[in-house]
Amino acid sequence: MKKILIIGALLIFFMTGVFAPFAGSAEAPRMAKEELKGMLGNPDVLVIDVRTQRDWKESDLKIKGSVREDPGAVESWANKYPKDKTLVFYCA
């Protein structure tokens, strides 16, 4: 399951252009909001909001407990999250 979520996160980064030079044609699964709702509150799940600063500020929709990170600065924060946690990246 963790590998699927990581693959999904990579797809999000491809879609936002972060990894555009490395983008291939691989598809990654997405998660429905109902599935994420069932995971919220689990200490082994970290939700990382990778919307742009403007999109994040202008939105009334924020996932409680999520952490916002700059999608244009992945190199500066990618390694600070534990490898044994399930990372879910949000960019809607």
N, C-alpha and C. Protein backbone atom coordinates (compact mmCIF):
# COMPACT_ATOMS: atom_id res chain seq x y z
N MET A 1 0.83 -1.20 0.00
CA MET A 1 0.00 0.00 0.00
C MET A 1 0.86 1.25 0.00
N LYS A 2 1.95 1.25 0.79
CA LYS A 2 2.83 2.41 0.84
C LYS A 2 3.45 2.70 -0.52
N LYS A 3 3.83 1.64 -1.23
CA LYS A 3 4.42 1.83 -2.55
C LYS A 3 3.43 2.45 -3.51
N ILE A 4 2.17 2.05 -3.41
CA ILE A 4 1.14 2.61 -4.28
C ILE A 4 0.98 4.11 -4.00
N LEU A 5 0.97 4.49 -2.73
CA LEU A 5 0.83 5.90 -2.39
C LEU A 5 2.03 6.72 -2.83
N ILE A 6 3.20 6.13 -2.72
CA ILE A 6 4.41 6.83 -3.18
C ILE A 6 4.35 7.02 -4.68
N ILE A 7 3.91 6.01 -5.39
CA ILE A 7 3.75 6.14 -6.84
C ILE A 7 2.73 7.21 -7.16
N GLY A 8 1.64 7.25 -6.39
CA GLY A 8 0.63 8.29 -6.58
C GLY A 8 1.21 9.67 -6.35
N ALA A 9 2.07 9.78 -5.35
CA ALA A 9 2.71 11.06 -5.06
C ALA A 9 3.60 11.50 -6.21
N LEU A 10 4.33 10.56 -6.77
CA LEU A 10 5.18 10.89 -7.91
C LEU A 10 4.36 11.39 -9.08
N LEU A 11 3.20 10.79 -9.29
CA LEU A 11 2.32 11.26 -10.36
C LEU A 11 1.92 12.71 -10.12
N ILE A 12 1.63 13.03 -8.89
CA ILE A 12 1.25 14.41 -8.57
C ILE A 12 2.40 15.36 -8.92
N PHE A 13 3.62 14.96 -8.57
CA PHE A 13 4.76 15.81 -8.89
C PHE A 13 4.95 15.93 -10.39
N PHE A 14 4.73 14.86 -11.13
CA PHE A 14 4.82 14.92 -12.58
C PHE A 14 3.78 15.90 -13.12
N MET A 15 2.58 15.82 -12.56
CA MET A 15 1.49 16.69 -13.03
C MET A 15 1.76 18.15 -12.73
N THR A 16 2.43 18.45 -11.65
CA THR A 16 2.72 19.84 -11.31
C THR A 16 4.00 20.34 -11.94
N GLY A 17 4.68 19.49 -12.68
CA GLY A 17 5.88 19.91 -13.39
C GLY A 17 7.16 19.84 -12.60
N VAL A 18 7.10 19.37 -11.37
CA VAL A 18 8.30 19.31 -10.55
C VAL A 18 9.34 18.38 -11.16
N PHE A 19 8.89 17.24 -11.68
CA PHE A 19 9.79 16.28 -12.28
C PHE A 19 9.63 16.24 -13.80
N ALA A 20 9.19 17.33 -14.39
CA ALA A 20 8.90 17.35 -15.83
C ALA A 20 10.05 16.82 -16.68
N PRO A 21 11.29 17.16 -16.39
CA PRO A 21 12.37 16.63 -17.24
C PRO A 21 12.50 15.11 -17.16
N PHE A 22 12.00 14.51 -16.08
CA PHE A 22 12.13 13.07 -15.89
C PHE A 22 10.83 12.32 -16.15
N ALA A 23 9.79 13.04 -16.52
CA ALA A 23 8.46 12.43 -16.66
C ALA A 23 8.43 11.39 -17.75
N GLY A 24 7.78 10.28 -17.43
CA GLY A 24 7.58 9.22 -18.40
C GLY A 24 6.10 9.07 -18.66
N SER A 25 5.73 7.92 -19.14
CA SER A 25 4.32 7.71 -19.42
C SER A 25 3.66 6.84 -18.36
N ALA A 26 4.32 6.63 -17.24
CA ALA A 26 3.77 5.77 -16.18
C ALA A 26 2.58 6.42 -15.51
N GLU A 27 1.57 5.62 -15.26
CA GLU A 27 0.38 6.08 -14.54
C GLU A 27 0.47 5.56 -13.11
N ALA A 28 0.02 6.38 -12.19
CA ALA A 28 0.00 5.97 -10.79
C ALA A 28 -1.44 6.04 -10.29
N PRO A 29 -1.80 5.18 -9.37
CA PRO A 29 -3.17 5.20 -8.86
C PRO A 29 -3.45 6.45 -8.03
N ARG A 30 -4.69 6.82 -8.00
CA ARG A 30 -5.14 7.94 -7.19
C ARG A 30 -5.98 7.42 -6.04
N MET A 31 -6.18 8.27 -5.06
CA MET A 31 -6.94 7.88 -3.88
C MET A 31 -8.23 8.71 -3.83
N ALA A 32 -9.32 8.06 -3.58
CA ALA A 32 -10.59 8.76 -3.41
C ALA A 32 -10.62 9.42 -2.04
N LYS A 33 -11.37 10.51 -1.94
CA LYS A 33 -11.43 11.22 -0.66
C LYS A 33 -11.99 10.35 0.45
N GLU A 34 -12.89 9.42 0.11
CA GLU A 34 -13.44 8.52 1.12
C GLU A 34 -12.35 7.60 1.68
N GLU A 35 -11.45 7.16 0.82
CA GLU A 35 -10.34 6.32 1.28
C GLU A 35 -9.41 7.11 2.20
N LEU A 36 -9.12 8.35 1.83
CA LEU A 36 -8.27 9.18 2.67
C LEU A 36 -8.94 9.46 4.01
N LYS A 37 -10.23 9.74 4.00
CA LYS A 37 -10.95 9.99 5.26
C LYS A 37 -10.76 8.84 6.24
N GLY A 38 -10.76 7.63 5.72
CA GLY A 38 -10.58 6.46 6.58
C GLY A 38 -9.17 6.34 7.14
N MET A 39 -8.24 7.06 6.55
CA MET A 39 -6.84 6.99 6.99
C MET A 39 -6.47 8.13 7.94
N LEU A 40 -7.26 9.20 7.93
CA LEU A 40 -6.94 10.36 8.76
C LEU A 40 -6.95 9.99 10.23
N GLY A 41 -6.00 10.51 10.95
CA GLY A 41 -5.89 10.20 12.37
C GLY A 41 -4.94 9.05 12.65
N ASN A 42 -4.58 8.29 11.62
CA ASN A 42 -3.63 7.19 11.78
C ASN A 42 -2.22 7.79 11.92
N PRO A 43 -1.51 7.50 12.99
CA PRO A 43 -0.18 8.09 13.19
C PRO A 43 0.85 7.64 12.15
N ASP A 44 0.55 6.60 11.38
CA ASP A 44 1.47 6.13 10.35
C ASP A 44 1.21 6.78 8.99
N VAL A 45 0.26 7.72 8.94
CA VAL A 45 -0.08 8.38 7.69
C VAL A 45 0.19 9.88 7.82
N LEU A 46 0.96 10.42 6.88
CA LEU A 46 1.23 11.85 6.82
C LEU A 46 0.64 12.40 5.54
N VAL A 47 -0.17 13.44 5.66
CA VAL A 47 -0.76 14.09 4.49
C VAL A 47 0.04 15.36 4.23
N ILE A 48 0.58 15.46 3.04
CA ILE A 48 1.39 16.60 2.65
C ILE A 48 0.67 17.34 1.54
N ASP A 49 0.34 18.59 1.80
CA ASP A 49 -0.38 19.44 0.85
C ASP A 49 0.67 20.12 -0.04
N VAL A 50 0.69 19.78 -1.31
CA VAL A 50 1.69 20.33 -2.23
C VAL A 50 1.09 21.31 -3.23
N ARG A 51 0.02 21.98 -2.81
CA ARG A 51 -0.52 23.05 -3.66
C ARG A 51 0.41 24.25 -3.58
N THR A 52 0.33 25.11 -4.58
CA THR A 52 1.13 26.33 -4.54
C THR A 52 0.68 27.18 -3.36
N GLN A 53 1.53 28.06 -2.93
CA GLN A 53 1.22 28.93 -1.80
C GLN A 53 -0.07 29.70 -2.06
N ARG A 54 -0.21 30.24 -3.25
CA ARG A 54 -1.41 31.02 -3.59
C ARG A 54 -2.67 30.16 -3.54
N ASP A 55 -2.60 28.97 -4.16
CA ASP A 55 -3.76 28.08 -4.16
C ASP A 55 -4.14 27.66 -2.75
N TRP A 56 -3.13 27.40 -1.93
CA TRP A 56 -3.38 26.99 -0.56
C TRP A 56 -4.03 28.11 0.25
N LYS A 57 -3.49 29.33 0.12
CA LYS A 57 -4.03 30.47 0.87
C LYS A 57 -5.45 30.81 0.45
N GLU A 58 -5.74 30.71 -0.84
CA GLU A 58 -7.06 31.08 -1.36
C GLU A 58 -8.13 30.01 -1.13
N SER A 59 -7.72 28.84 -0.72
CA SER A 59 -8.66 27.74 -0.55
C SER A 59 -9.26 27.70 0.86
N ASP A 60 -10.55 27.40 0.91
CA ASP A 60 -11.21 27.17 2.19
C ASP A 60 -11.09 25.69 2.59
N LEU A 61 -10.61 24.87 1.67
CA LEU A 61 -10.52 23.43 1.89
C LEU A 61 -9.09 23.05 2.28
N LYS A 62 -8.94 22.65 3.50
CA LYS A 62 -7.64 22.20 4.00
C LYS A 62 -7.87 20.93 4.79
N ILE A 63 -6.97 19.98 4.66
CA ILE A 63 -7.10 18.72 5.37
C ILE A 63 -6.50 18.89 6.76
N LYS A 64 -7.32 18.67 7.77
CA LYS A 64 -6.87 18.82 9.16
C LYS A 64 -5.68 17.89 9.42
N GLY A 65 -4.62 18.46 9.97
CA GLY A 65 -3.43 17.68 10.29
C GLY A 65 -2.43 17.59 9.15
N SER A 66 -2.78 18.13 7.99
CA SER A 66 -1.84 18.07 6.87
C SER A 66 -0.73 19.10 7.04
N VAL A 67 0.35 18.88 6.33
CA VAL A 67 1.49 19.79 6.34
C VAL A 67 1.62 20.34 4.93
N ARG A 68 1.80 21.65 4.81
CA ARG A 68 1.96 22.23 3.48
C ARG A 68 3.44 22.34 3.15
N GLU A 69 3.79 21.89 1.94
CA GLU A 69 5.16 21.99 1.45
C GLU A 69 5.12 22.61 0.06
N ASP A 70 6.17 23.32 -0.27
CA ASP A 70 6.30 23.98 -1.57
C ASP A 70 6.60 22.94 -2.64
N PRO A 71 5.73 22.80 -3.65
CA PRO A 71 5.98 21.80 -4.69
C PRO A 71 7.18 22.13 -5.56
N GLY A 72 7.63 23.37 -5.53
CA GLY A 72 8.79 23.76 -6.31
C GLY A 72 10.11 23.58 -5.58
N ALA A 73 10.06 23.13 -4.35
CA ALA A 73 11.27 22.97 -3.54
C ALA A 73 11.36 21.58 -2.93
N VAL A 74 11.01 20.58 -3.70
CA VAL A 74 10.98 19.20 -3.20
C VAL A 74 12.32 18.80 -2.60
N GLU A 75 13.40 19.23 -3.23
CA GLU A 75 14.74 18.85 -2.75
C GLU A 75 14.98 19.29 -1.31
N SER A 76 14.37 20.38 -0.90
CA SER A 76 14.61 20.91 0.44
C SER A 76 13.81 20.20 1.53
N TRP A 77 12.75 19.49 1.18
CA TRP A 77 11.93 18.85 2.22
C TRP A 77 11.70 17.35 2.01
N ALA A 78 12.03 16.82 0.88
CA ALA A 78 11.69 15.42 0.57
C ALA A 78 12.27 14.42 1.57
N ASN A 79 13.43 14.68 2.09
CA ASN A 79 14.08 13.70 2.98
C ASN A 79 13.76 13.90 4.45
N LYS A 80 12.95 14.88 4.79
CA LYS A 80 12.69 15.11 6.21
C LYS A 80 11.56 14.24 6.77
N TYR A 81 10.84 13.55 5.89
CA TYR A 81 9.74 12.71 6.35
C TYR A 81 10.20 11.27 6.52
N PRO A 82 9.73 10.60 7.57
CA PRO A 82 10.16 9.22 7.84
C PRO A 82 9.79 8.27 6.70
N LYS A 83 10.70 7.40 6.39
CA LYS A 83 10.49 6.42 5.32
C LYS A 83 9.52 5.31 5.72
N ASP A 84 9.28 5.16 7.03
CA ASP A 84 8.39 4.10 7.48
C ASP A 84 6.94 4.56 7.61
N LYS A 85 6.65 5.79 7.20
CA LYS A 85 5.28 6.31 7.23
C LYS A 85 4.68 6.26 5.82
N THR A 86 3.37 6.27 5.75
CA THR A 86 2.68 6.37 4.47
C THR A 86 2.47 7.85 4.19
N LEU A 87 3.03 8.32 3.08
CA LEU A 87 2.91 9.72 2.70
C LEU A 87 1.82 9.86 1.65
N VAL A 88 0.89 10.76 1.89
CA VAL A 88 -0.17 11.04 0.94
C VAL A 88 -0.01 12.50 0.52
N PHE A 89 0.14 12.73 -0.78
CA PHE A 89 0.34 14.08 -1.30
C PHE A 89 -0.96 14.59 -1.89
N TYR A 90 -1.33 15.81 -1.47
CA TYR A 90 -2.59 16.42 -1.88
C TYR A 90 -2.28 17.64 -2.74
N CYS A 91 -2.94 17.71 -3.91
CA CYS A 91 -2.69 18.85 -4.79
C CYS A 91 -3.93 19.31 -5.53
N ALA A 92 -5.11 19.04 -5.05
CA ALA A 92 -6.34 19.41 -5.77
C ALA A 92 -6.59 20.89 -5.78
